């Protein structure tokens, strides 16, 4: 392999990457904000659910063990 072919392939790769980035459809600011809010709400709901389940299991196990 000659070093010229490696450098040529590298620059060809960079050109291909730039072409592919131009094809990307980026979300709008509004879409990003809405999606972020949805993620936070779902994370909050999940954390509350697991906190309730954990508390219930804690009480069940302690009532069985008697501590």
C-alpha atoms as a PDB file:
ATOM      1  CA  UNK A   1       0.000   0.000   0.000  1.00  0.00           C
ATOM      2  CA  UNK A   2       1.436   3.312  -0.977  1.00  0.00           C
ATOM      3  CA  UNK A   3       0.976   6.185   1.444  1.00  0.00           C
ATOM      4  CA  UNK A   4      -0.587   8.288  -1.329  1.00  0.00           C
ATOM      5  CA  UNK A   5      -3.443   5.841  -1.713  1.00  0.00           C
ATOM      6  CA  UNK A   6      -4.073   5.881   2.043  1.00  0.00           C
ATOM      7  CA  UNK A   7      -4.199   9.669   2.095  1.00  0.00           C
ATOM      8  CA  UNK A   8      -6.417   9.683  -0.987  1.00  0.00           C
ATOM      9  CA  UNK A   9      -8.798   7.185   0.614  1.00  0.00           C
ATOM     10  CA  UNK A  10      -8.837   9.261   3.801  1.00  0.00           C
ATOM     11  CA  UNK A  11      -9.887  12.424   1.952  1.00  0.00           C
ATOM     12  CA  UNK A  12     -12.438  10.413  -0.017  1.00  0.00           C
ATOM     13  CA  UNK A  13     -13.839   9.115   3.264  1.00  0.00           C
ATOM     14  CA  UNK A  14     -14.081  12.673   4.654  1.00  0.00           C
ATOM     15  CA  UNK A  15     -15.900  13.814   1.498  1.00  0.00           C
ATOM     16  CA  UNK A  16     -18.339  10.893   1.829  1.00  0.00           C
ATOM     17  CA  UNK A  17     -18.987  11.775   5.468  1.00  0.00           C
ATOM     18  CA  UNK A  18     -19.739  15.393   4.566  1.00  0.00           C
ATOM     19  CA  UNK A  19     -22.155  14.228   1.836  1.00  0.00           C
ATOM     20  CA  UNK A  20     -23.968  11.955   4.294  1.00  0.00           C
ATOM     21  CA  UNK A  21     -24.197  14.716   6.931  1.00  0.00           C
ATOM     22  CA  UNK A  22     -25.866  16.936   4.347  1.00  0.00           C
ATOM     23  CA  UNK A  23     -28.582  14.270   3.945  1.00  0.00           C
ATOM     24  CA  UNK A  24     -29.418  14.225   7.673  1.00  0.00           C
ATOM     25  CA  UNK A  25     -32.758  15.720   8.663  1.00  0.00           C
ATOM     26  CA  UNK A  26     -32.125  17.593  11.885  1.00  0.00           C
ATOM     27  CA  UNK A  27     -35.024  18.108  14.326  1.00  0.00           C
ATOM     28  CA  UNK A  28     -36.353  21.591  14.897  1.00  0.00           C
ATOM     29  CA  UNK A  29     -35.873  23.389  18.197  1.00  0.00           C
ATOM     30  CA  UNK A  30     -39.546  22.803  19.041  1.00  0.00           C
ATOM     31  CA  UNK A  31     -39.224  19.045  18.403  1.00  0.00           C
ATOM     32  CA  UNK A  32     -36.146  18.836  20.624  1.00  0.00           C
ATOM     33  CA  UNK A  33     -37.875  20.710  23.464  1.00  0.00           C
ATOM     34  CA  UNK A  34     -41.018  18.549  23.256  1.00  0.00           C
ATOM     35  CA  UNK A  35     -39.003  15.328  23.140  1.00  0.00           C
ATOM     36  CA  UNK A  36     -36.900  16.437  26.115  1.00  0.00           C
ATOM     37  CA  UNK A  37     -40.023  17.216  28.146  1.00  0.00           C
ATOM     38  CA  UNK A  38     -41.501  13.814  27.275  1.00  0.00           C
ATOM     39  CA  UNK A  39     -38.312  12.066  28.404  1.00  0.00           C
ATOM     40  CA  UNK A  40     -38.306  13.937  31.727  1.00  0.00           C
ATOM     41  CA  UNK A  41     -41.990  13.183  32.359  1.00  0.00           C
ATOM     42  CA  UNK A  42     -41.559   9.479  31.598  1.00  0.00           C
ATOM     43  CA  UNK A  43     -38.453   9.336  33.821  1.00  0.00           C
ATOM     44  CA  UNK A  44     -40.415  10.998  36.637  1.00  0.00           C
ATOM     45  CA  UNK A  45     -43.342   8.590  36.261  1.00  0.00           C
ATOM     46  CA  UNK A  46     -40.997   5.584  36.182  1.00  0.00           C
ATOM     47  CA  UNK A  47     -39.111   6.759  39.268  1.00  0.00           C
ATOM     48  CA  UNK A  48     -42.353   7.267  41.185  1.00  0.00           C
ATOM     49  CA  UNK A  49     -43.601   3.825  40.131  1.00  0.00           C
ATOM     50  CA  UNK A  50     -40.400   2.102  41.228  1.00  0.00           C
ATOM     51  CA  UNK A  51     -40.340   4.047  44.501  1.00  0.00           C
ATOM     52  CA  UNK A  52     -43.883   2.853  45.246  1.00  0.00           C
ATOM     53  CA  UNK A  53     -43.053  -0.752  44.329  1.00  0.00           C
ATOM     54  CA  UNK A  54     -39.884  -0.611  46.443  1.00  0.00           C
ATOM     55  CA  UNK A  55     -41.812   0.774  49.426  1.00  0.00           C
ATOM     56  CA  UNK A  56     -44.496  -1.888  49.059  1.00  0.00           C
ATOM     57  CA  UNK A  57     -41.927  -4.705  48.903  1.00  0.00           C
ATOM     58  CA  UNK A  58     -40.104  -3.220  51.895  1.00  0.00           C
ATOM     59  CA  UNK A  59     -43.292  -3.220  53.969  1.00  0.00           C
ATOM     60  CA  UNK A  60     -44.281  -6.734  52.820  1.00  0.00           C
ATOM     61  CA  UNK A  61     -40.871  -8.219  53.612  1.00  0.00           C
ATOM     62  CA  UNK A  62     -40.643  -6.476  56.970  1.00  0.00           C
ATOM     63  CA  UNK A  63     -44.132  -7.604  57.944  1.00  0.00           C
ATOM     64  CA  UNK A  64     -43.154 -11.207  57.125  1.00  0.00           C
ATOM     65  CA  UNK A  65     -39.777 -11.035  58.887  1.00  0.00           C
ATOM     66  CA  UNK A  66     -41.211  -9.054  61.786  1.00  0.00           C
ATOM     67  CA  UNK A  67     -38.432  -6.514  62.259  1.00  0.00           C
END
